Amino acid sequence: MQKPFQKVGVLLGGCSSERPISLKSGQAVLKAISSLPLDVVAIDISTENKEIITRILKDAQIDIAFNALHGRFGEDGEIQGVLDELNIPYTGSGVKSSANCMDKSITQNILKNSGFLVPDFCVFDAEDEIDDELIFKRLGPSVVIKPVCEGSSLGVGIAHDKKDFQRAFEQAQKFGQKVLMEKFIRGREVTCGIVAEKCLPVIEIKPKSPFFDYTAKYQKGMTQYTVPAKLNSDQTKMIQESAINIFRTMACEDLARIDFILTEENQLYVLEVNTIPGFTETSLVPMAAKVAGIDFQQLCSLILNNAYAKKKETNHTAMVH
């Protein structure tokens, strides 16, 4: 029997500030699927010129793309639009879902309007004059400041006073035109990965630094992960049900990771929806999958097969209508 697809292009690199992370994710995927009976090629996207990218993808003659691009032009719907135009199936969410999830303010508004708990927040242009006293009055004594469109916790800081505020705002400004400020919610940080519409075990994240920043994420020994998280069955159920409902509300596909804060009062606040979460063998989604009995190669295969079947189904439906 002929396989549904033979040639896989792993998209990696990119031009965003998350390029180093994307290279690691892409190389891990390449290594994992290279021993499968597939023709696997690495495609380093080192430009944002759509004409050049279109030519590169056409020349590669791939049957499906495994998208391991993080950040701008990888997670924001741009590369998805190019792949759609070329009718190349790809892993992950589509154009609109990717764009919505990449913009934290859009995500928060959609989820808030859909009945999910999100921290109180406000959005500013990087050039705006900000009244820090007013912000503290509105959002509380501790404020999280982050770029609207960045991943890997790049440019994220917590402000407890005027000095912190200025430093954190200037840091966030370096990573984009818009800055999100939100109320700091005290509680346990938990995350739930979803693959092929199914929840993985919940992970609790305990960083040694005040919060789960870039260093805590990527420097060995800076964070303690507990999987499955030490929660009671009701808490686990609440987190997993919320995660799958958020996945559907945001129209995500194939895989995502939803980050939450669980308070002492058992309230669950949504922090973020990651449509292309980190994807090395030690990243959070593969870590949870391993506990569920899915090794890294199986995980990559599951995502590829799910994406290919979904794309073919979409094309068939479009032709019927």
Protein backbone atom coordinates (compact mmCIF):
# COMPACT_ATOMS: atom_id res chain seq x y z
CA MET A 1 0.00 0.00 0.00
CA GLN A 2 1.35 3.43 -0.94
CA LYS A 3 1.99 5.82 1.94
CA PRO A 4 -0.19 8.96 1.98
CA PHE A 5 2.93 11.14 1.81
CA GLN A 6 6.57 10.47 1.07
CA LYS A 7 8.54 13.72 1.16
CA VAL A 8 8.51 15.83 4.33
CA GLY A 9 10.02 19.31 4.55
CA VAL A 10 10.90 20.43 8.07
CA LEU A 11 10.61 24.23 8.19
CA LEU A 12 13.05 25.69 10.69
CA GLY A 13 15.08 28.78 11.52
CA GLY A 14 13.18 31.86 10.45
CA CYS A 15 14.13 35.50 10.95
CA SER A 16 12.47 36.17 14.30
CA SER A 17 14.20 36.53 17.67
CA GLU A 18 13.21 32.90 18.28
CA ARG A 19 15.42 31.58 15.46
CA PRO A 20 17.83 29.71 17.82
CA ILE A 21 14.89 27.88 19.45
CA SER A 22 13.35 27.07 16.06
CA LEU A 23 16.64 25.58 14.84
CA LYS A 24 16.71 23.31 17.90
CA SER A 25 13.07 22.25 17.41
CA GLY A 26 13.56 21.63 13.70
CA GLN A 27 16.78 19.64 14.16
CA ALA A 28 15.09 17.48 16.81
CA VAL A 29 12.18 16.71 14.45
CA LEU A 30 14.60 15.98 11.58
CA LYS A 31 16.57 13.57 13.73
CA ALA A 32 13.41 11.82 14.96
CA ILE A 33 11.75 11.24 11.58
CA SER A 34 14.89 10.60 9.50
CA SER A 35 14.83 6.91 10.48
CA LEU A 36 11.24 6.56 9.21
CA PRO A 37 10.69 5.33 5.63
CA LEU A 38 10.30 8.92 4.42
CA ASP A 39 12.30 11.37 2.33
CA VAL A 40 13.04 14.15 4.84
CA VAL A 41 14.59 17.55 4.03
CA ALA A 42 15.42 20.58 6.16
CA ILE A 43 14.17 23.90 4.80
CA ASP A 44 15.78 26.85 6.60
CA ILE A 45 13.53 29.86 6.11
CA SER A 46 16.06 32.70 6.42
CA THR A 47 14.04 35.39 4.63
CA GLU A 48 10.56 36.91 4.90
CA ASN A 49 10.37 37.61 1.16
CA LYS A 50 7.30 35.64 0.08
CA GLU A 51 8.44 35.30 -3.54
CA ILE A 52 11.74 33.72 -2.48
CA ILE A 53 10.01 31.44 0.05
CA THR A 54 7.46 30.38 -2.57
CA ARG A 55 10.27 29.47 -4.96
CA ILE A 56 12.16 27.53 -2.23
CA LEU A 57 9.03 25.56 -1.31
CA LYS A 58 8.13 24.85 -4.95
CA ASP A 59 11.67 23.64 -5.69
CA ALA A 60 11.63 21.36 -2.63
CA GLN A 61 8.63 19.44 -4.06
CA ILE A 62 7.46 18.28 -0.64
CA ASP A 63 4.21 16.44 0.12
CA ILE A 64 3.83 18.01 3.58
CA ALA A 65 5.61 20.59 5.75
CA PHE A 66 6.39 20.06 9.42
CA ASN A 67 6.34 23.64 10.69
CA ALA A 68 8.95 24.13 13.42
CA LEU A 69 9.19 27.90 12.89
CA HIS A 70 8.67 29.89 16.10
CA GLY A 71 7.69 33.53 16.34
CA ARG A 72 7.18 36.05 13.54
CA PHE A 73 6.53 34.57 10.08
CA GLY A 74 6.24 31.09 11.59
CA GLU A 75 3.44 31.28 14.12
CA ASP A 76 1.57 34.36 12.93
CA GLY A 77 -0.23 33.01 9.83
CA GLU A 78 2.28 34.32 7.26
CA ILE A 79 4.03 31.05 6.32
CA GLN A 80 0.66 29.28 6.62
CA GLY A 81 -0.72 31.62 3.94
CA VAL A 82 2.18 30.82 1.59
CA LEU A 83 1.70 27.07 2.12
CA ASP A 84 -2.06 27.38 1.54
CA GLU A 85 -1.45 29.18 -1.77
CA LEU A 86 0.86 26.35 -2.85
CA ASN A 87 -1.65 23.77 -1.60
CA ILE A 88 1.04 22.14 0.57
CA PRO A 89 -0.36 20.44 3.70
CA TYR A 90 1.37 21.54 6.91
CA THR A 91 1.34 20.81 10.61
CA GLY A 92 -0.30 23.19 13.03
CA SER A 93 -3.05 25.76 12.91
CA GLY A 94 -4.26 27.67 9.87
CA VAL A 95 -3.81 31.33 8.93
CA LYS A 96 -6.51 32.95 11.07
CA SER A 97 -6.01 30.81 14.17
CA SER A 98 -2.23 31.32 14.02
CA ALA A 99 -2.60 35.09 13.67
CA ASN A 100 -5.11 35.30 16.53
CA CYS A 101 -3.04 33.16 18.91
CA MET A 102 0.19 35.02 18.10
CA ASP A 103 -1.37 38.32 19.19
CA LYS A 104 -1.83 37.98 22.95
CA SER A 105 -4.34 40.84 23.12
CA ILE A 106 -6.59 39.25 20.46
CA THR A 107 -6.32 35.87 22.23
CA GLN A 108 -7.27 37.42 25.59
CA ASN A 109 -10.24 39.28 24.09
CA ILE A 110 -11.59 36.19 22.29
CA LEU A 111 -11.21 34.02 25.39
CA LYS A 112 -12.67 36.65 27.73
CA ASN A 113 -15.70 37.06 25.45
CA SER A 114 -16.06 33.27 25.34
CA GLY A 115 -16.34 33.04 29.13
CA PHE A 116 -12.80 32.02 30.10
CA LEU A 117 -10.97 33.73 32.97
CA VAL A 118 -8.07 35.91 31.82
CA PRO A 119 -6.02 38.39 33.88
CA ASP A 120 -7.17 42.03 33.62
CA PHE A 121 -5.06 43.67 30.92
CA CYS A 122 -4.49 46.72 28.75
CA VAL A 123 -2.51 47.26 25.54
CA PHE A 124 -0.27 50.18 24.55
CA ASP A 125 1.76 51.21 21.55
CA ALA A 126 5.48 51.16 22.30
CA GLU A 127 5.65 54.95 21.72
CA ASP A 128 2.80 55.78 24.12
CA GLU A 129 3.39 57.89 27.21
CA ILE A 130 2.43 55.59 30.07
CA ASP A 131 1.13 56.69 33.47
CA ASP A 132 2.55 53.93 35.67
CA GLU A 133 0.54 55.03 38.73
CA LEU A 134 -2.67 54.65 36.77
CA ILE A 135 -1.61 51.19 35.56
CA PHE A 136 -0.84 50.00 39.11
CA LYS A 137 -4.16 51.45 40.28
CA ARG A 138 -6.03 49.59 37.54
CA LEU A 139 -4.15 46.26 37.50
CA GLY A 140 -2.90 45.92 41.09
CA PRO A 141 0.46 46.05 42.91
CA SER A 142 2.25 43.69 40.50
CA VAL A 143 2.01 43.99 36.72
CA VAL A 144 3.30 41.62 34.04
CA ILE A 145 4.63 43.52 31.01
CA LYS A 146 5.26 41.72 27.72
CA PRO A 147 5.36 42.23 23.95
CA VAL A 148 2.01 41.47 22.32
CA CYS A 149 3.56 39.24 19.64
CA GLU A 150 6.52 37.29 21.03
CA GLY A 151 7.03 33.76 22.29
CA SER A 152 9.59 32.00 24.51
CA SER A 153 8.86 34.65 27.19
CA LEU A 154 11.12 37.09 25.31
CA GLY A 155 10.85 40.63 26.63
CA VAL A 156 8.62 39.63 29.57
CA GLY A 157 9.05 41.28 32.96
CA ILE A 158 7.21 41.87 36.24
CA ALA A 159 6.90 45.35 37.72
CA HIS A 160 6.33 45.92 41.45
CA ASP A 161 7.26 49.61 41.49
CA LYS A 162 8.01 52.63 39.25
CA LYS A 163 11.63 51.59 38.63
CA ASP A 164 10.67 48.00 37.71
CA PHE A 165 7.92 49.36 35.50
CA GLN A 166 10.21 51.54 33.41
CA ARG A 167 12.79 48.77 33.01
CA ALA A 168 10.18 46.15 32.03
CA PHE A 169 8.41 48.50 29.60
CA GLU A 170 11.68 49.39 27.85
CA GLN A 171 12.55 45.69 27.59
CA ALA A 172 9.16 44.80 26.06
CA GLN A 173 9.45 47.73 23.61
CA LYS A 174 12.51 46.10 22.01
CA PHE A 175 10.39 43.21 20.77
CA GLY A 176 7.52 44.91 19.00
CA GLN A 177 5.21 47.83 18.43
CA LYS A 178 2.60 46.82 21.00
CA VAL A 179 3.00 46.06 24.69
CA LEU A 180 0.55 44.10 26.85
CA MET A 181 0.25 44.82 30.56
CA GLU A 182 -1.68 42.42 32.74
CA LYS A 183 -2.48 41.85 36.39
CA PHE A 184 -0.03 39.43 38.01
CA ILE A 185 -2.01 36.41 39.19
CA ARG A 186 -0.53 34.51 42.11
CA GLY A 187 -0.85 30.73 41.92
CA ARG A 188 0.51 27.52 40.44
CA GLU A 189 1.68 27.68 36.84
CA VAL A 190 0.38 24.72 34.85
CA THR A 191 0.34 23.87 31.17
CA CYS A 192 -1.59 21.39 29.06
CA GLY A 193 -0.51 20.16 25.65
CA ILE A 194 -3.00 19.02 23.04
CA VAL A 195 -2.12 16.74 20.14
CA ALA A 196 -4.65 15.58 17.53
CA GLU A 197 -7.56 16.92 19.66
CA LYS A 198 -6.47 14.93 22.72
CA CYS A 199 -5.12 16.32 26.00
CA LEU A 200 -1.74 15.25 27.29
CA PRO A 201 -0.97 15.01 31.03
CA VAL A 202 -0.89 18.38 32.82
CA ILE A 203 2.57 19.75 33.75
CA GLU A 204 3.27 22.01 36.72
CA ILE A 205 6.06 24.53 36.17
CA LYS A 206 8.13 25.78 39.13
CA PRO A 207 10.85 28.21 37.99
CA LYS A 208 13.67 29.17 40.35
CA SER A 209 13.39 32.75 39.09
CA PRO A 210 10.27 34.82 39.99
CA PHE A 211 8.48 33.56 36.88
CA PHE A 212 8.87 31.34 33.81
CA ASP A 213 11.05 33.67 31.71
CA TYR A 214 13.42 32.92 28.80
CA THR A 215 16.26 31.83 31.12
CA ALA A 216 13.94 29.60 33.17
CA LYS A 217 12.66 28.01 29.96
CA TYR A 218 15.95 27.27 28.25
CA GLN A 219 18.71 27.14 30.87
CA LYS A 220 19.15 23.68 32.33
CA GLY A 221 18.23 23.30 36.00
CA MET A 222 16.42 26.66 36.23
CA THR A 223 12.94 25.13 36.38
CA GLN A 224 11.36 22.11 38.05
CA TYR A 225 8.69 20.30 36.02
CA THR A 226 6.21 17.87 37.56
CA VAL A 227 4.34 15.63 35.13
CA PRO A 228 1.67 14.65 35.73
CA ALA A 229 1.13 17.66 37.99
CA LYS A 230 0.23 16.87 41.62
CA LEU A 231 -3.41 17.92 41.37
CA ASN A 232 -6.64 16.35 42.52
CA SER A 233 -8.83 14.70 39.88
CA ASP A 234 -11.26 17.65 39.74
CA GLN A 235 -8.43 20.13 39.12
CA THR A 236 -6.91 17.94 36.41
CA LYS A 237 -10.31 17.55 34.74
CA MET A 238 -10.95 21.31 34.89
CA ILE A 239 -7.56 22.12 33.31
CA GLN A 240 -7.84 19.51 30.55
CA GLU A 241 -11.45 20.41 29.71
CA SER A 242 -10.56 24.12 29.63
CA ALA A 243 -7.55 23.38 27.41
CA ILE A 244 -9.54 21.44 24.81
CA ASN A 245 -12.33 24.06 24.84
CA ILE A 246 -9.76 26.84 24.33
CA PHE A 247 -8.12 24.80 21.54
CA ARG A 248 -11.52 24.64 19.78
CA THR A 249 -12.50 28.25 20.56
CA MET A 250 -9.26 29.49 18.98
CA ALA A 251 -9.75 27.06 16.03
CA CYS A 252 -6.36 25.45 16.64
CA GLU A 253 -5.33 22.35 14.70
CA ASP A 254 -2.95 19.40 15.24
CA LEU A 255 -1.16 20.66 18.32
CA ALA A 256 -1.03 23.48 20.85
CA ARG A 257 -0.01 24.16 24.42
CA ILE A 258 -2.21 26.20 26.74
CA ASP A 259 -0.62 27.92 29.76
CA PHE A 260 -2.62 28.65 32.92
CA ILE A 261 -2.39 29.91 36.49
CA LEU A 262 -4.37 27.93 39.07
CA THR A 263 -5.07 30.07 42.15
CA GLU A 264 -5.51 28.93 45.77
CA GLU A 265 -9.23 29.62 45.30
CA ASN A 266 -9.22 27.08 42.45
CA GLN A 267 -9.76 29.70 39.77
CA LEU A 268 -8.12 28.94 36.43
CA TYR A 269 -6.70 31.89 34.49
CA VAL A 270 -5.57 31.48 30.87
CA LEU A 271 -2.19 33.06 30.15
CA GLU A 272 -1.38 32.04 26.60
CA VAL A 273 -2.10 29.75 23.65
CA ASN A 274 1.02 28.44 21.88
CA THR A 275 0.25 27.05 18.42
CA ILE A 276 3.86 25.98 17.77
CA PRO A 277 5.24 25.10 21.20
CA GLY A 278 8.90 24.24 21.70
CA PHE A 279 9.62 20.88 20.12
CA THR A 280 12.89 19.35 21.26
CA GLU A 281 12.80 16.03 23.11
CA THR A 282 12.99 17.89 26.43
CA SER A 283 10.31 20.50 25.56
CA LEU A 284 7.02 20.49 27.45
CA VAL A 285 4.69 18.86 24.90
CA PRO A 286 7.11 15.98 24.15
CA MET A 287 7.73 15.65 27.92
CA ALA A 288 4.00 15.19 28.59
CA ALA A 289 3.61 12.88 25.58
CA LYS A 290 6.40 10.65 26.90
CA VAL A 291 4.55 10.25 30.21
CA ALA A 292 1.45 9.30 28.17
CA GLY A 293 3.49 6.55 26.46
CA ILE A 294 4.16 8.41 23.20
CA ASP A 295 7.85 8.68 22.32
CA PHE A 296 9.24 11.62 20.33
CA GLN A 297 9.26 9.85 16.97
CA GLN A 298 5.69 8.62 17.48
CA LEU A 299 4.65 12.15 18.45
CA CYS A 300 6.13 13.63 15.25
CA SER A 301 4.44 10.89 13.17
CA LEU A 302 1.10 11.44 14.90
CA ILE A 303 1.22 15.18 14.15
CA LEU A 304 2.24 14.62 10.51
CA ASN A 305 -0.46 12.01 9.89
CA ASN A 306 -3.12 14.13 11.59
CA ALA A 307 -2.14 17.21 9.57
CA TYR A 308 -2.10 15.34 6.26
CA ALA A 309 -5.48 13.68 6.86
CA LYS A 310 -7.00 17.01 7.94
CA LYS A 311 -5.69 18.81 4.85
CA LYS A 312 -6.94 16.12 2.47
CA GLU A 313 -10.36 16.20 4.16
CA THR A 314 -10.48 20.01 3.81
CA ASN A 315 -9.59 19.83 0.12
CA HIS A 316 -12.20 17.11 -0.48
CA THR A 317 -14.90 19.15 1.29
CA ALA A 318 -13.98 22.24 -0.75
CA MET A 319 -14.25 20.24 -3.99
CA VAL A 320 -17.64 18.77 -3.01
CA HIS A 321 -19.05 22.20 -2.26
